[in-house]
C-alpha atoms as a PDB file:
ATOM      1  CA  MET A   1     -78.521 -18.883  72.080  1.00  0.00           C
ATOM      2  CA  ALA A   2     -77.285 -18.059  68.581  1.00  0.00           C
ATOM      3  CA  THR A   3     -73.771 -19.014  67.575  1.00  0.00           C
ATOM      4  CA  PHE A   4     -71.670 -16.840  65.316  1.00  0.00           C
ATOM      5  CA  GLY A   5     -68.732 -17.979  63.245  1.00  0.00           C
ATOM      6  CA  ILE A   6     -66.284 -16.665  60.752  1.00  0.00           C
ATOM      7  CA  HIS A   7     -64.197 -18.290  57.858  1.00  0.00           C
ATOM      8  CA  ALA A   8     -60.542 -18.540  58.725  1.00  0.00           C
ATOM      9  CA  MET A   9     -59.575 -16.898  55.442  1.00  0.00           C
ATOM     10  CA  VAL A  10     -60.800 -13.554  56.811  1.00  0.00           C
ATOM     11  CA  LEU A  11     -58.030 -13.825  59.410  1.00  0.00           C
ATOM     12  CA  VAL A  12     -55.276 -15.802  57.727  1.00  0.00           C
ATOM     13  CA  SER A  13     -54.099 -16.770  54.268  1.00  0.00           C
ATOM     14  CA  ASP A  14     -53.528 -20.521  54.813  1.00  0.00           C
ATOM     15  CA  TRP A  15     -53.840 -23.243  57.471  1.00  0.00           C
ATOM     16  CA  ASP A  16     -50.560 -24.411  59.170  1.00  0.00           C
ATOM     17  CA  ASN A  17     -49.806 -24.577  62.892  1.00  0.00           C
ATOM     18  CA  VAL A  18     -48.680 -21.002  63.167  1.00  0.00           C
ATOM     19  CA  LEU A  19     -51.657 -19.651  61.188  1.00  0.00           C
ATOM     20  CA  ALA A  20     -54.030 -21.998  62.863  1.00  0.00           C
ATOM     21  CA  GLU A  21     -53.056 -20.647  66.246  1.00  0.00           C
ATOM     22  CA  ARG A  22     -53.392 -17.088  65.105  1.00  0.00           C
ATOM     23  CA  ALA A  23     -56.776 -17.555  63.681  1.00  0.00           C
ATOM     24  CA  ILE A  24     -58.306 -19.583  66.394  1.00  0.00           C
ATOM     25  CA  ARG A  25     -57.072 -17.182  69.201  1.00  0.00           C
ATOM     26  CA  ALA A  26     -58.421 -14.252  67.127  1.00  0.00           C
ATOM     27  CA  VAL A  27     -61.784 -15.937  66.822  1.00  0.00           C
ATOM     28  CA  ALA A  28     -61.903 -16.550  70.637  1.00  0.00           C
ATOM     29  CA  ASP A  29     -60.744 -13.059  71.246  1.00  0.00           C
ATOM     30  CA  ILE A  30     -63.318 -11.452  69.048  1.00  0.00           C
ATOM     31  CA  GLY A  31     -66.045 -13.577  70.601  1.00  0.00           C
ATOM     32  CA  TYR A  32     -67.061 -15.873  67.747  1.00  0.00           C
ATOM     33  CA  ASP A  33     -68.136 -19.435  68.559  1.00  0.00           C
ATOM     34  CA  VAL A  34     -67.313 -21.152  65.284  1.00  0.00           C
ATOM     35  CA  ILE A  35     -64.383 -21.049  62.839  1.00  0.00           C
ATOM     36  CA  GLU A  36     -64.680 -22.497  59.260  1.00  0.00           C
ATOM     37  CA  ILE A  37     -61.365 -24.189  58.391  1.00  0.00           C
ATOM     38  CA  PRO A  38     -60.528 -24.388  54.662  1.00  0.00           C
ATOM     39  CA  LEU A  39     -58.908 -27.800  53.898  1.00  0.00           C
ATOM     40  CA  PHE A  40     -56.928 -26.807  50.839  1.00  0.00           C
ATOM     41  CA  ASP A  41     -54.651 -29.846  51.367  1.00  0.00           C
ATOM     42  CA  PRO A  42     -56.311 -32.066  53.943  1.00  0.00           C
ATOM     43  CA  ILE A  43     -53.416 -34.360  54.215  1.00  0.00           C
ATOM     44  CA  ARG A  44     -51.015 -31.670  55.534  1.00  0.00           C
ATOM     45  CA  VAL A  45     -53.345 -30.358  58.229  1.00  0.00           C
ATOM     46  CA  ASP A  46     -52.048 -31.186  61.808  1.00  0.00           C
ATOM     47  CA  LEU A  47     -55.334 -32.455  63.116  1.00  0.00           C
ATOM     48  CA  LYS A  48     -53.990 -33.027  66.573  1.00  0.00           C
ATOM     49  CA  ARG A  49     -52.574 -29.575  67.001  1.00  0.00           C
ATOM     50  CA  THR A  50     -55.729 -27.996  65.481  1.00  0.00           C
ATOM     51  CA  ARG A  51     -57.913 -29.986  67.905  1.00  0.00           C
ATOM     52  CA  GLU A  52     -55.712 -28.808  70.884  1.00  0.00           C
ATOM     53  CA  LEU A  53     -56.107 -25.186  69.862  1.00  0.00           C
ATOM     54  CA  LEU A  54     -59.848 -25.347  69.323  1.00  0.00           C
ATOM     55  CA  GLU A  55     -60.290 -27.103  72.814  1.00  0.00           C
ATOM     56  CA  ARG A  56     -58.038 -24.495  74.508  1.00  0.00           C
ATOM     57  CA  HIS A  57     -59.907 -21.537  73.098  1.00  0.00           C
ATOM     58  CA  SER A  58     -63.378 -23.150  73.209  1.00  0.00           C
ATOM     59  CA  VAL A  59     -64.041 -22.766  69.479  1.00  0.00           C
ATOM     60  CA  THR A  60     -66.136 -25.168  67.448  1.00  0.00           C
ATOM     61  CA  PRO A  61     -64.745 -26.048  63.970  1.00  0.00           C
ATOM     62  CA  THR A  62     -66.466 -26.538  60.709  1.00  0.00           C
ATOM     63  CA  VAL A  63     -64.514 -27.246  57.562  1.00  0.00           C
ATOM     64  CA  SER A  64     -64.830 -26.550  53.862  1.00  0.00           C
ATOM     65  CA  LEU A  65     -63.196 -28.051  50.803  1.00  0.00           C
ATOM     66  CA  GLY A  66     -63.502 -26.322  47.467  1.00  0.00           C
ATOM     67  CA  LEU A  67     -63.619 -28.422  44.371  1.00  0.00           C
ATOM     68  CA  THR A  68     -61.960 -27.480  41.042  1.00  0.00           C
ATOM     69  CA  ALA A  69     -63.399 -27.940  37.530  1.00  0.00           C
ATOM     70  CA  GLU A  70     -61.602 -31.211  37.369  1.00  0.00           C
ATOM     71  CA  THR A  71     -63.312 -32.415  40.522  1.00  0.00           C
ATOM     72  CA  ASP A  72     -66.724 -31.032  40.119  1.00  0.00           C
ATOM     73  CA  ILE A  73     -69.206 -33.544  41.469  1.00  0.00           C
ATOM     74  CA  SER A  74     -72.076 -32.021  39.486  1.00  0.00           C
ATOM     75  CA  SER A  75     -70.302 -32.511  36.090  1.00  0.00           C
ATOM     76  CA  ASP A  76     -71.914 -34.550  33.423  1.00  0.00           C
ATOM     77  CA  ASP A  77     -68.424 -36.201  32.801  1.00  0.00           C
ATOM     78  CA  VAL A  78     -68.389 -39.330  35.004  1.00  0.00           C
ATOM     79  CA  ALA A  79     -64.586 -39.186  35.388  1.00  0.00           C
ATOM     80  CA  VAL A  80     -64.771 -35.596  36.653  1.00  0.00           C
ATOM     81  CA  SER A  81     -67.658 -36.309  39.088  1.00  0.00           C
ATOM     82  CA  ARG A  82     -65.959 -39.558  40.202  1.00  0.00           C
ATOM     83  CA  ALA A  83     -62.673 -37.500  40.921  1.00  0.00           C
ATOM     84  CA  GLY A  84     -64.625 -35.063  42.996  1.00  0.00           C
ATOM     85  CA  ALA A  85     -66.281 -37.869  45.080  1.00  0.00           C
ATOM     86  CA  LEU A  86     -62.706 -39.297  45.661  1.00  0.00           C
ATOM     87  CA  ARG A  87     -61.450 -35.935  46.642  1.00  0.00           C
ATOM     88  CA  LEU A  88     -64.356 -35.434  49.146  1.00  0.00           C
END
């Protein structure tokens, strides 16, 4: 059976406990199986709360993390690519 997902940014503008609940509940209500969670600042994501919400609503997560020009792992500049590897 095919699974369908949506990026959280289609539904919310950031990821905190309030917006996580809104996004995950909406994904489940719409009927999607997967939500892609943007990790703009991975340190501030409440993983325990996010996991509880995902389990409650039977939604599977994926995550994404965008890199900046200063953390581009494909850069020829070793310092920049190293910074990207550290970020990831």
